[in-house]
Amino acid sequence: MSEIHTTEHAHDEHAGLSKKKIWQVFGVLLLITVIEFIIALWVIPNKHMSQHIGNYVYIVLTLIKAYYIVAYFMHLKYEKLGLQLTLTVSFIFILYFIVLMLIEGGYLHLHMPLV
């Protein structure tokens, strides 16, 4: 009987986010978006940062935003470790294969003669 009560209590605890936590995540996402806009509209055009470095900064900031969205709004943060690892490893392999295909496609484009 106590096991059922514990399971229900754990489920209720993580069933939804509190309003405070939702506003905190919203604030983090808003802050990251504002930083991206500042970089795009002021930092790069005024040559405080090169476009090449800016692209890497955009990628990092976008991955942080993706983490917050998946962790809190898709409730992955409250899942068991096994599911988290399964999804994370799958995502890493998908990115790895995309990068490999882009590298291979670039190689073929540069080194294969057009017939």
PDB file of N, CA and C in Angstrom:
ATOM      1  N   MET A   1       0.820  -1.189   0.000  1.00  0.00           N
ATOM      2  CA  MET A   1       0.000   0.000   0.000  1.00  0.00           C
ATOM      3  C   MET A   1       0.864   1.252   0.000  1.00  0.00           C
ATOM      4  N   SER A   2       1.927   1.266   0.809  1.00  0.00           N
ATOM      5  CA  SER A   2       2.787   2.454   0.872  1.00  0.00           C
ATOM      6  C   SER A   2       3.542   2.650  -0.436  1.00  0.00           C
ATOM      7  N   GLU A   3       3.820   1.566  -1.168  1.00  0.00           N
ATOM      8  CA  GLU A   3       4.521   1.685  -2.437  1.00  0.00           C
ATOM      9  C   GLU A   3       3.655   2.422  -3.460  1.00  0.00           C
ATOM     10  N   ILE A   4       2.370   2.130  -3.481  1.00  0.00           N
ATOM     11  CA  ILE A   4       1.455   2.821  -4.392  1.00  0.00           C
ATOM     12  C   ILE A   4       1.384   4.293  -4.038  1.00  0.00           C
ATOM     13  N   HIS A   5       1.292   4.585  -2.750  1.00  0.00           N
ATOM     14  CA  HIS A   5       1.234   5.984  -2.306  1.00  0.00           C
ATOM     15  C   HIS A   5       2.509   6.727  -2.698  1.00  0.00           C
ATOM     16  N   THR A   6       3.679   6.109  -2.552  1.00  0.00           N
ATOM     17  CA  THR A   6       4.957   6.737  -2.905  1.00  0.00           C
ATOM     18  C   THR A   6       5.015   7.011  -4.401  1.00  0.00           C
ATOM     19  N   THR A   7       4.573   6.056  -5.196  1.00  0.00           N
ATOM     20  CA  THR A   7       4.582   6.242  -6.645  1.00  0.00           C
ATOM     21  C   THR A   7       3.655   7.377  -7.045  1.00  0.00           C
ATOM     22  N   GLU A   8       2.468   7.419  -6.462  1.00  0.00           N
ATOM     23  CA  GLU A   8       1.536   8.503  -6.789  1.00  0.00           C
ATOM     24  C   GLU A   8       2.093   9.853  -6.361  1.00  0.00           C
ATOM     25  N   HIS A   9       2.726   9.891  -5.204  1.00  0.00           N
ATOM     26  CA  HIS A   9       3.289  11.140  -4.718  1.00  0.00           C
ATOM     27  C   HIS A   9       4.410  11.617  -5.648  1.00  0.00           C
ATOM     28  N   ALA A  10       5.275  10.691  -6.096  1.00  0.00           N
ATOM     29  CA  ALA A  10       6.367  11.066  -6.994  1.00  0.00           C
ATOM     30  C   ALA A  10       5.814  11.552  -8.330  1.00  0.00           C
ATOM     31  N   HIS A  11       4.755  10.899  -8.791  1.00  0.00           N
ATOM     32  CA  HIS A  11       4.159  11.323 -10.065  1.00  0.00           C
ATOM     33  C   HIS A  11       3.531  12.707  -9.943  1.00  0.00           C
ATOM     34  N   ASP A  12       2.834  12.964  -8.845  1.00  0.00           N
ATOM     35  CA  ASP A  12       2.212  14.273  -8.645  1.00  0.00           C
ATOM     36  C   ASP A  12       3.257  15.369  -8.496  1.00  0.00           C
ATOM     37  N   GLU A  13       4.379  15.021  -7.898  1.00  0.00           N
ATOM     38  CA  GLU A  13       5.434  16.010  -7.674  1.00  0.00           C
ATOM     39  C   GLU A  13       6.005  16.528  -8.990  1.00  0.00           C
ATOM     40  N   HIS A  14       6.099  15.659 -10.001  1.00  0.00           N
ATOM     41  CA  HIS A  14       6.699  16.040 -11.271  1.00  0.00           C
ATOM     42  C   HIS A  14       5.690  16.133 -12.406  1.00  0.00           C
ATOM     43  N   ALA A  15       4.432  16.062 -12.089  1.00  0.00           N
ATOM     44  CA  ALA A  15       3.420  16.065 -13.139  1.00  0.00           C
ATOM     45  C   ALA A  15       3.404  17.386 -13.889  1.00  0.00           C
ATOM     46  N   GLY A  16       3.636  18.476 -13.221  1.00  0.00           N
ATOM     47  CA  GLY A  16       3.640  19.768 -13.884  1.00  0.00           C
ATOM     48  C   GLY A  16       4.625  20.707 -13.234  1.00  0.00           C
ATOM     49  N   LEU A  17       4.993  21.706 -13.959  1.00  0.00           N
ATOM     50  CA  LEU A  17       5.903  22.705 -13.420  1.00  0.00           C
ATOM     51  C   LEU A  17       5.122  23.741 -12.619  1.00  0.00           C
ATOM     52  N   SER A  18       5.777  24.277 -11.621  1.00  0.00           N
ATOM     53  CA  SER A  18       5.143  25.368 -10.887  1.00  0.00           C
ATOM     54  C   SER A  18       5.234  26.632 -11.731  1.00  0.00           C
ATOM     55  N   LYS A  19       4.381  27.591 -11.421  1.00  0.00           N
ATOM     56  CA  LYS A  19       4.406  28.848 -12.170  1.00  0.00           C
ATOM     57  C   LYS A  19       5.759  29.540 -12.033  1.00  0.00           C
ATOM     58  N   LYS A  20       6.334  29.451 -10.840  1.00  0.00           N
ATOM     59  CA  LYS A  20       7.637  30.075 -10.616  1.00  0.00           C
ATOM     60  C   LYS A  20       8.709  29.464 -11.526  1.00  0.00           C
ATOM     61  N   LYS A  21       8.724  28.142 -11.631  1.00  0.00           N
ATOM     62  CA  LYS A  21       9.726  27.467 -12.465  1.00  0.00           C
ATOM     63  C   LYS A  21       9.496  27.769 -13.944  1.00  0.00           C
ATOM     64  N   ILE A  22       8.240  27.837 -14.364  1.00  0.00           N
ATOM     65  CA  ILE A  22       7.943  28.180 -15.755  1.00  0.00           C
ATOM     66  C   ILE A  22       8.471  29.571 -16.074  1.00  0.00           C
ATOM     67  N   TRP A  23       8.266  30.533 -15.176  1.00  0.00           N
ATOM     68  CA  TRP A  23       8.761  31.891 -15.410  1.00  0.00           C
ATOM     69  C   TRP A  23      10.292  31.939 -15.372  1.00  0.00           C
ATOM     70  N   GLN A  24      10.916  31.108 -14.541  1.00  0.00           N
ATOM     71  CA  GLN A  24      12.376  31.057 -14.520  1.00  0.00           C
ATOM     72  C   GLN A  24      12.926  30.540 -15.845  1.00  0.00           C
ATOM     73  N   VAL A  25      12.344  29.467 -16.344  1.00  0.00           N
ATOM     74  CA  VAL A  25      12.784  28.911 -17.631  1.00  0.00           C
ATOM     75  C   VAL A  25      12.508  29.912 -18.743  1.00  0.00           C
ATOM     76  N   PHE A  26      11.342  30.572 -18.698  1.00  0.00           N
ATOM     77  CA  PHE A  26      11.030  31.603 -19.679  1.00  0.00           C
ATOM     78  C   PHE A  26      12.080  32.712 -19.639  1.00  0.00           C
ATOM     79  N   GLY A  27      12.481  33.115 -18.432  1.00  0.00           N
ATOM     80  CA  GLY A  27      13.494  34.158 -18.292  1.00  0.00           C
ATOM     81  C   GLY A  27      14.834  33.742 -18.882  1.00  0.00           C
ATOM     82  N   VAL A  28      15.236  32.507 -18.652  1.00  0.00           N
ATOM     83  CA  VAL A  28      16.496  32.013 -19.211  1.00  0.00           C
ATOM     84  C   VAL A  28      16.421  31.991 -20.731  1.00  0.00           C
ATOM     85  N   LEU A  29      15.317  31.472 -21.281  1.00  0.00           N
ATOM     86  CA  LEU A  29      15.162  31.429 -22.737  1.00  0.00           C
ATOM     87  C   LEU A  29      15.119  32.834 -23.332  1.00  0.00           C
ATOM     88  N   LEU A  30      14.446  33.761 -22.659  1.00  0.00           N
ATOM     89  CA  LEU A  30      14.396  35.150 -23.125  1.00  0.00           C
ATOM     90  C   LEU A  30      15.778  35.781 -23.088  1.00  0.00           C
ATOM     91  N   LEU A  31      16.522  35.557 -22.029  1.00  0.00           N
ATOM     92  CA  LEU A  31      17.870  36.112 -21.909  1.00  0.00           C
ATOM     93  C   LEU A  31      18.788  35.594 -23.020  1.00  0.00           C
ATOM     94  N   ILE A  32      18.735  34.306 -23.278  1.00  0.00           N
ATOM     95  CA  ILE A  32      19.561  33.729 -24.344  1.00  0.00           C
ATOM     96  C   ILE A  32      19.168  34.312 -25.698  1.00  0.00           C
ATOM     97  N   THR A  33      17.870  34.484 -25.943  1.00  0.00           N
ATOM     98  CA  THR A  33      17.409  35.062 -27.199  1.00  0.00           C
ATOM     99  C   THR A  33      17.867  36.508 -27.335  1.00  0.00           C
ATOM    100  N   VAL A  34      17.812  37.274 -26.254  1.00  0.00           N
ATOM    101  CA  VAL A  34      18.280  38.664 -26.290  1.00  0.00           C
ATOM    102  C   VAL A  34      19.778  38.713 -26.594  1.00  0.00           C
ATOM    103  N   ILE A  35      20.542  37.807 -25.989  1.00  0.00           N
ATOM    104  CA  ILE A  35      21.983  37.740 -26.269  1.00  0.00           C
ATOM    105  C   ILE A  35      22.222  37.432 -27.742  1.00  0.00           C
ATOM    106  N   GLU A  36      21.460  36.505 -28.301  1.00  0.00           N
ATOM    107  CA  GLU A  36      21.607  36.182 -29.722  1.00  0.00           C
ATOM    108  C   GLU A  36      21.304  37.396 -30.600  1.00  0.00           C
ATOM    109  N   PHE A  37      20.254  38.141 -30.272  1.00  0.00           N
ATOM    110  CA  PHE A  37      19.921  39.330 -31.044  1.00  0.00           C
ATOM    111  C   PHE A  37      21.001  40.399 -30.921  1.00  0.00           C
ATOM    112  N   ILE A  38      21.548  40.580 -29.734  1.00  0.00           N
ATOM    113  CA  ILE A  38      22.616  41.571 -29.555  1.00  0.00           C
ATOM    114  C   ILE A  38      23.830  41.188 -30.393  1.00  0.00           C
ATOM    115  N   ILE A  39      24.167  39.914 -30.391  1.00  0.00           N
ATOM    116  CA  ILE A  39      25.302  39.452 -31.201  1.00  0.00           C
ATOM    117  C   ILE A  39      25.018  39.682 -32.683  1.00  0.00           C
ATOM    118  N   ALA A  40      23.810  39.346 -33.117  1.00  0.00           N
ATOM    119  CA  ALA A  40      23.473  39.454 -34.541  1.00  0.00           C
ATOM    120  C   ALA A  40      23.349  40.900 -35.010  1.00  0.00           C
ATOM    121  N   LEU A  41      22.821  41.789 -34.172  1.00  0.00           N
ATOM    122  CA  LEU A  41      22.521  43.146 -34.621  1.00  0.00           C
ATOM    123  C   LEU A  41      23.551  44.189 -34.206  1.00  0.00           C
ATOM    124  N   TRP A  42      24.423  43.861 -33.249  1.00  0.00           N
ATOM    125  CA  TRP A  42      25.372  44.868 -32.817  1.00  0.00           C
ATOM    126  C   TRP A  42      26.812  44.359 -32.799  1.00  0.00           C
ATOM    127  N   VAL A  43      27.061  43.204 -32.221  1.00  0.00           N
ATOM    128  CA  VAL A  43      28.434  42.724 -32.033  1.00  0.00           C
ATOM    129  C   VAL A  43      29.093  42.378 -33.361  1.00  0.00           C
ATOM    130  N   ILE A  44      28.450  41.556 -34.181  1.00  0.00           N
ATOM    131  CA  ILE A  44      29.053  41.143 -35.454  1.00  0.00           C
ATOM    132  C   ILE A  44      29.113  42.294 -36.459  1.00  0.00           C
ATOM    133  N   PRO A  45      28.044  43.096 -36.650  1.00  0.00           N
ATOM    134  CA  PRO A  45      28.159  44.206 -37.605  1.00  0.00           C
ATOM    135  C   PRO A  45      29.212  45.254 -37.228  1.00  0.00           C
ATOM    136  N   ASN A  46      29.466  45.455 -35.940  1.00  0.00           N
ATOM    137  CA  ASN A  46      30.475  46.418 -35.507  1.00  0.00           C
ATOM    138  C   ASN A  46      31.860  45.794 -35.383  1.00  0.00           C
ATOM    139  N   LYS A  47      32.025  44.585 -35.876  1.00  0.00           N
ATOM    140  CA  LYS A  47      33.309  43.882 -35.926  1.00  0.00           C
ATOM    141  C   LYS A  47      33.924  43.624 -34.553  1.00  0.00           C
ATOM    142  N   HIS A  48      33.089  43.467 -33.521  1.00  0.00           N
ATOM    143  CA  HIS A  48      33.600  43.076 -32.209  1.00  0.00           C
ATOM    144  C   HIS A  48      33.825  41.567 -32.140  1.00  0.00           C
ATOM    145  N   MET A  49      33.214  40.848 -33.085  1.00  0.00           N
ATOM    146  CA  MET A  49      33.345  39.396 -33.167  1.00  0.00           C
ATOM    147  C   MET A  49      33.228  39.019 -34.638  1.00  0.00           C
ATOM    148  N   SER A  50      34.027  38.049 -35.066  1.00  0.00           N
ATOM    149  CA  SER A  50      33.933  37.623 -36.465  1.00  0.00           C
ATOM    150  C   SER A  50      32.678  36.770 -36.667  1.00  0.00           C
ATOM    151  N   GLN A  51      32.242  36.689 -37.902  1.00  0.00           N
ATOM    152  CA  GLN A  51      31.061  35.877 -38.223  1.00  0.00           C
ATOM    153  C   GLN A  51      31.315  34.415 -37.899  1.00  0.00           C
ATOM    154  N   HIS A  52      32.548  33.967 -38.117  1.00  0.00           N
ATOM    155  CA  HIS A  52      32.903  32.565 -37.854  1.00  0.00           C
ATOM    156  C   HIS A  52      32.745  32.240 -36.372  1.00  0.00           C
ATOM    157  N   ILE A  53      33.271  33.076 -35.500  1.00  0.00           N
ATOM    158  CA  ILE A  53      33.124  32.869 -34.053  1.00  0.00           C
ATOM    159  C   ILE A  53      31.653  33.014 -33.654  1.00  0.00           C
ATOM    160  N   GLY A  54      30.966  33.989 -34.258  1.00  0.00           N
ATOM    161  CA  GLY A  54      29.551  34.203 -33.967  1.00  0.00           C
ATOM    162  C   GLY A  54      28.711  32.975 -34.258  1.00  0.00           C
ATOM    163  N   ASN A  55      29.034  32.260 -35.333  1.00  0.00           N
ATOM    164  CA  ASN A  55      28.298  31.040 -35.665  1.00  0.00           C
ATOM    165  C   ASN A  55      28.438  29.990 -34.566  1.00  0.00           C
ATOM    166  N   TYR A  56      29.642  29.848 -34.033  1.00  0.00           N
ATOM    167  CA  TYR A  56      29.840  28.890 -32.939  1.00  0.00           C
ATOM    168  C   TYR A  56      29.091  29.320 -31.686  1.00  0.00           C
ATOM    169  N   VAL A  57      29.081  30.614 -31.416  1.00  0.00           N
ATOM    170  CA  VAL A  57      28.339  31.124 -30.255  1.00  0.00           C
ATOM    171  C   VAL A  57      26.846  30.852 -30.433  1.00  0.00           C
ATOM    172  N   TYR A  58      26.317  31.072 -31.654  1.00  0.00           N
ATOM    173  CA  TYR A  58      24.901  30.790 -31.934  1.00  0.00           C
ATOM    174  C   TYR A  58      24.586  29.320 -31.693  1.00  0.00           C
ATOM    175  N   ILE A  59      25.468  28.437 -32.141  1.00  0.00           N
ATOM    176  CA  ILE A  59      25.238  27.003 -31.979  1.00  0.00           C
ATOM    177  C   ILE A  59      25.177  26.635 -30.500  1.00  0.00           C
ATOM    178  N   VAL A  60      26.119  27.147 -29.713  1.00  0.00           N
ATOM    179  CA  VAL A  60      26.144  26.842 -28.283  1.00  0.00           C
ATOM    180  C   VAL A  60      24.885  27.381 -27.597  1.00  0.00           C
ATOM    181  N   LEU A  61      24.522  28.632 -27.893  1.00  0.00           N
ATOM    182  CA  LEU A  61      23.337  29.220 -27.276  1.00  0.00           C
ATOM    183  C   LEU A  61      22.067  28.467 -27.683  1.00  0.00           C
ATOM    184  N   THR A  62      21.992  28.038 -28.924  1.00  0.00           N
ATOM    185  CA  THR A  62      20.823  27.291 -29.395  1.00  0.00           C
ATOM    186  C   THR A  62      20.743  25.930 -28.712  1.00  0.00           C
ATOM    187  N   LEU A  63      21.882  25.281 -28.488  1.00  0.00           N
ATOM    188  CA  LEU A  63      21.869  24.001 -27.784  1.00  0.00           C
ATOM    189  C   LEU A  63      21.434  24.170 -26.334  1.00  0.00           C
ATOM    190  N   ILE A  64      21.829  25.274 -25.709  1.00  0.00           N
ATOM    191  CA  ILE A  64      21.379  25.543 -24.342  1.00  0.00           C
ATOM    192  C   ILE A  64      19.867  25.757 -24.318  1.00  0.00           C
ATOM    193  N   LYS A  65      19.354  26.516 -25.288  1.00  0.00           N
ATOM    194  CA  LYS A  65      17.907  26.722 -25.355  1.00  0.00           C
ATOM    195  C   LYS A  65      17.184  25.404 -25.600  1.00  0.00           C
ATOM    196  N   ALA A  66      17.732  24.568 -26.470  1.00  0.00           N
ATOM    197  CA  ALA A  66      17.116  23.269 -26.750  1.00  0.00           C
ATOM    198  C   ALA A  66      17.087  22.405 -25.490  1.00  0.00           C
ATOM    199  N   TYR A  67      18.155  22.459 -24.700  1.00  0.00           N
ATOM    200  CA  TYR A  67      18.178  21.700 -23.446  1.00  0.00           C
ATOM    201  C   TYR A  67      17.047  22.147 -22.526  1.00  0.00           C
ATOM    202  N   TYR A  68      16.883  23.449 -22.352  1.00  0.00           N
ATOM    203  CA  TYR A  68      15.830  23.939 -21.450  1.00  0.00           C
ATOM    204  C   TYR A  68      14.440  23.543 -21.954  1.00  0.00           C
ATOM    205  N   ILE A  69      14.225  23.632 -23.248  1.00  0.00           N
ATOM    206  CA  ILE A  69      12.914  23.280 -23.795  1.00  0.00           C
ATOM    207  C   ILE A  69      12.625  21.797 -23.592  1.00  0.00           C
ATOM    208  N   VAL A  70      13.600  20.958 -23.921  1.00  0.00           N
ATOM    209  CA  VAL A  70      13.392  19.513 -23.795  1.00  0.00           C
ATOM    210  C   VAL A  70      13.305  19.103 -22.325  1.00  0.00           C
ATOM    211  N   ALA A  71      14.149  19.670 -21.489  1.00  0.00           N
ATOM    212  CA  ALA A  71      14.190  19.255 -20.085  1.00  0.00           C
ATOM    213  C   ALA A  71      12.942  19.661 -19.326  1.00  0.00           C
ATOM    214  N   TYR A  72      12.478  20.883 -19.525  1.00  0.00           N
ATOM    215  CA  TYR A  72      11.376  21.370 -18.699  1.00  0.00           C
ATOM    216  C   TYR A  72      10.012  21.283 -19.377  1.00  0.00           C
ATOM    217  N   PHE A  73       9.910  21.718 -20.629  1.00  0.00           N
ATOM    218  CA  PHE A  73       8.598  21.740 -21.266  1.00  0.00           C
ATOM    219  C   PHE A  73       8.208  20.388 -21.842  1.00  0.00           C
ATOM    220  N   MET A  74       9.189  19.548 -22.140  1.00  0.00           N
ATOM    221  CA  MET A  74       8.881  18.197 -22.593  1.00  0.00           C
ATOM    222  C   MET A  74       9.083  17.189 -21.451  1.00  0.00           C
ATOM    223  N   HIS A  75       9.370  17.680 -20.246  1.00  0.00           N
ATOM    224  CA  HIS A  75       9.451  16.905 -19.003  1.00  0.00           C
ATOM    225  C   HIS A  75      10.503  15.805 -19.023  1.00  0.00           C
ATOM    226  N   LEU A  76      11.543  15.932 -19.847  1.00  0.00           N
ATOM    227  CA  LEU A  76      12.583  14.912 -19.869  1.00  0.00           C
ATOM    228  C   LEU A  76      13.437  14.956 -18.604  1.00  0.00           C
ATOM    229  N   LYS A  77      13.520  16.099 -17.974  1.00  0.00           N
ATOM    230  CA  LYS A  77      14.301  16.232 -16.743  1.00  0.00           C
ATOM    231  C   LYS A  77      13.766  15.314 -15.643  1.00  0.00           C
ATOM    232  N   TYR A  78      12.487  15.018 -15.673  1.00  0.00           N
ATOM    233  CA  TYR A  78      11.866  14.210 -14.629  1.00  0.00           C
ATOM    234  C   TYR A  78      11.770  12.732 -14.985  1.00  0.00           C
ATOM    235  N   GLU A  79      12.301  12.339 -16.122  1.00  0.00           N
ATOM    236  CA  GLU A  79      12.255  10.934 -16.525  1.00  0.00           C
ATOM    237  C   GLU A  79      13.395  10.167 -15.866  1.00  0.00           C
ATOM    238  N   LYS A  80      13.342   8.863 -15.999  1.00  0.00           N
ATOM    239  CA  LYS A  80      14.390   8.021 -15.443  1.00  0.00           C
ATOM    240  C   LYS A  80      15.673   8.184 -16.257  1.00  0.00           C
ATOM    241  N   LEU A  81      16.791   7.893 -15.628  1.00  0.00           N
ATOM    242  CA  LEU A  81      18.097   8.069 -16.251  1.00  0.00           C
ATOM    243  C   LEU A  81      18.237   7.237 -17.523  1.00  0.00           C
ATOM    244  N   GLY A  82      17.672   6.040 -17.540  1.00  0.00           N
ATOM    245  CA  GLY A  82      17.766   5.175 -18.719  1.00  0.00           C
ATOM    246  C   GLY A  82      17.154   5.820 -19.957  1.00  0.00           C
ATOM    247  N   LEU A  83      15.984   6.398 -19.810  1.00  0.00           N
ATOM    248  CA  LEU A  83      15.336   7.059 -20.939  1.00  0.00           C
ATOM    249  C   LEU A  83      16.129   8.292 -21.365  1.00  0.00           C
ATOM    250  N   GLN A  84      16.621   9.041 -20.405  1.00  0.00           N
ATOM    251  CA  GLN A  84      17.431  10.220 -20.732  1.00  0.00           C
ATOM    252  C   GLN A  84      18.669   9.828 -21.531  1.00  0.00           C
ATOM    253  N   LEU A  85      19.358   8.794 -21.088  1.00  0.00           N
ATOM    254  CA  LEU A  85      20.556   8.346 -21.800  1.00  0.00           C
ATOM    255  C   LEU A  85      20.236   7.809 -23.183  1.00  0.00           C
ATOM    256  N   THR A  86      19.147   7.069 -23.301  1.00  0.00           N
ATOM    257  CA  THR A  86      18.746   6.528 -24.600  1.00  0.00           C
ATOM    258  C   THR A  86      18.491   7.644 -25.597  1.00  0.00           C
ATOM    259  N   LEU A  87      17.745   8.649 -25.191  1.00  0.00           N
ATOM    260  CA  LEU A  87      17.449   9.756 -26.095  1.00  0.00           C
ATOM    261  C   LEU A  87      18.688  10.588 -26.403  1.00  0.00           C
ATOM    262  N   THR A  88      19.532  10.812 -25.406  1.00  0.00           N
ATOM    263  CA  THR A  88      20.729  11.611 -25.603  1.00  0.00           C
ATOM    264  C   THR A  88      21.708  10.913 -26.541  1.00  0.00           C
ATOM    265  N   VAL A  89      21.954   9.645 -26.318  1.00  0.00           N
ATOM    266  CA  VAL A  89      22.880   8.898 -27.170  1.00  0.00           C
ATOM    267  C   VAL A  89      22.347   8.831 -28.600  1.00  0.00           C
ATOM    268  N   SER A  90      21.063   8.612 -28.764  1.00  0.00           N
ATOM    269  CA  SER A  90      20.470   8.588 -30.109  1.00  0.00           C
ATOM    270  C   SER A  90      20.655   9.934 -30.799  1.00  0.00           C
ATOM    271  N   PHE A  91      20.423  11.011 -30.085  1.00  0.00           N
ATOM    272  CA  PHE A  91      20.573  12.346 -30.645  1.00  0.00           C
ATOM    273  C   PHE A  91      22.025  12.600 -31.057  1.00  0.00           C
ATOM    274  N   ILE A  92      22.972  12.176 -30.228  1.00  0.00           N
ATOM    275  CA  ILE A  92      24.389  12.366 -30.549  1.00  0.00           C
ATOM    276  C   ILE A  92      24.758  11.585 -31.804  1.00  0.00           C
ATOM    277  N   PHE A  93      24.283  10.352 -31.939  1.00  0.00           N
ATOM    278  CA  PHE A  93      24.569   9.571 -33.143  1.00  0.00           C
ATOM    279  C   PHE A  93      23.951  10.204 -34.385  1.00  0.00           C
ATOM    280  N   ILE A  94      22.754  10.719 -34.272  1.00  0.00           N
ATOM    281  CA  ILE A  94      22.125  11.384 -35.420  1.00  0.00           C
ATOM    282  C   ILE A  94      22.951  12.589 -35.845  1.00  0.00           C
ATOM    283  N   LEU A  95      23.372  13.408 -34.886  1.00  0.00           N
ATOM    284  CA  LEU A  95      24.229  14.558 -35.222  1.00  0.00           C
ATOM    285  C   LEU A  95      25.544  14.106 -35.840  1.00  0.00           C
ATOM    286  N   TYR A  96      26.123  13.062 -35.297  1.00  0.00           N
ATOM    287  CA  TYR A  96      27.382  12.523 -35.822  1.00  0.00           C
ATOM    288  C   TYR A  96      27.224  12.089 -37.277  1.00  0.00           C
ATOM    289  N   PHE A  97      26.153  11.385 -37.599  1.00  0.00           N
ATOM    290  CA  PHE A  97      25.931  10.940 -38.961  1.00  0.00           C
ATOM    291  C   PHE A  97      25.646  12.112 -39.896  1.00  0.00           C
ATOM    292  N   ILE A  98      24.959  13.128 -39.419  1.00  0.00           N
ATOM    293  CA  ILE A  98      24.729  14.314 -40.249  1.00  0.00           C
ATOM    294  C   ILE A  98      26.058  14.988 -40.588  1.00  0.00           C
ATOM    295  N   VAL A  99      26.913  15.134 -39.582  1.00  0.00           N
ATOM    296  CA  VAL A  99      28.231  15.736 -39.822  1.00  0.00           C
ATOM    297  C   VAL A  99      29.036  14.885 -40.796  1.00  0.00           C
ATOM    298  N   LEU A 100      29.017  13.574 -40.630  1.00  0.00           N
ATOM    299  CA  LEU A 100      29.735  12.702 -41.563  1.00  0.00           C
ATOM    300  C   LEU A 100      29.221  12.849 -42.992  1.00  0.00           C
ATOM    301  N   MET A 101      27.911  12.910 -43.167  1.00  0.00           N
ATOM    302  CA  MET A 101      27.348  13.064 -44.511  1.00  0.00           C
ATOM    303  C   MET A 101      27.725  14.412 -45.123  1.00  0.00           C
ATOM    304  N   LEU A 102      27.745  15.454 -44.310  1.00  0.00           N
ATOM    305  CA  LEU A 102      28.139  16.764 -44.832  1.00  0.00           C
ATOM    306  C   LEU A 102      29.607  16.774 -45.243  1.00  0.00           C
ATOM    307  N   ILE A 103      30.461  16.146 -44.451  1.00  0.00           N
ATOM    308  CA  ILE A 103      31.878  16.077 -44.803  1.00  0.00           C
ATOM    309  C   ILE A 103      32.069  15.254 -46.070  1.00  0.00           C
ATOM    310  N   GLU A 104      31.415  14.115 -46.145  1.00  0.00           N
ATOM    311  CA  GLU A 104      31.537  13.250 -47.323  1.00  0.00           C
ATOM    312  C   GLU A 104      30.980  13.944 -48.564  1.00  0.00           C
ATOM    313  N   GLY A 105      29.846  14.614 -48.413  1.00  0.00           N
ATOM    314  CA  GLY A 105      29.274  15.331 -49.551  1.00  0.00           C
ATOM    315  C   GLY A 105      30.181  16.441 -50.035  1.00  0.00           C
ATOM    316  N   GLY A 106      30.826  17.144 -49.111  1.00  0.00           N
ATOM    317  CA  GLY A 106      31.779  18.185 -49.491  1.00  0.00           C
ATOM    318  C   GLY A 106      32.975  17.603 -50.205  1.00  0.00           C
ATOM    319  N   TYR A 107      33.456  16.453 -49.745  1.00  0.00           N
ATOM    320  CA  TYR A 107      34.587  15.794 -50.393  1.00  0.00           C
ATOM    321  C   TYR A 107      34.225  15.390 -51.812  1.00  0.00           C
ATOM    322  N   LEU A 108      33.078  14.753 -51.976  1.00  0.00           N
ATOM    323  CA  LEU A 108      32.667  14.317 -53.307  1.00  0.00           C
ATOM    324  C   LEU A 108      32.466  15.504 -54.236  1.00  0.00           C
ATOM    325  N   HIS A 109      31.925  16.582 -53.721  1.00  0.00           N
ATOM    326  CA  HIS A 109      31.695  17.770 -54.543  1.00  0.00           C
ATOM    327  C   HIS A 109      33.016  18.370 -55.020  1.00  0.00           C
ATOM    328  N   LEU A 110      34.035  18.339 -54.199  1.00  0.00           N
ATOM    329  CA  LEU A 110      35.313  18.956 -54.547  1.00  0.00           C
ATOM    330  C   LEU A 110      36.193  18.043 -55.404  1.00  0.00           C
ATOM    331  N   HIS A 111      36.109  16.727 -55.245  1.00  0.00           N
ATOM    332  CA  HIS A 111      37.072  15.834 -55.858  1.00  0.00           C
ATOM    333  C   HIS A 111      36.534  14.931 -56.969  1.00  0.00           C
ATOM    334  N   MET A 112      35.252  14.962 -57.216  1.00  0.00           N
ATOM    335  CA  MET A 112      34.702  14.144 -58.286  1.00  0.00           C
ATOM    336  C   MET A 112      34.470  15.011 -59.515  1.00  0.00           C
ATOM    337  N   PRO A 113      34.963  14.558 -60.673  1.00  0.00           N
ATOM    338  CA  PRO A 113      34.743  15.349 -61.881  1.00  0.00           C
ATOM    339  C   PRO A 113      33.277  15.296 -62.323  1.00  0.00           C
ATOM    340  N   LEU A 114      32.808  16.403 -62.856  1.00  0.00           N
ATOM    341  CA  LEU A 114      31.450  16.415 -63.389  1.00  0.00           C
ATOM    342  C   LEU A 114      31.444  15.719 -64.728  1.00  0.00           C
ATOM    343  N   VAL A 115      30.509  14.838 -64.938  1.00  0.00           N
ATOM    344  CA  VAL A 115      30.451  14.071 -66.177  1.00  0.00           C
ATOM    345  C   VAL A 115      29.383  14.618 -67.070  1.00  0.00           C
TER     346      VAL A 115
END
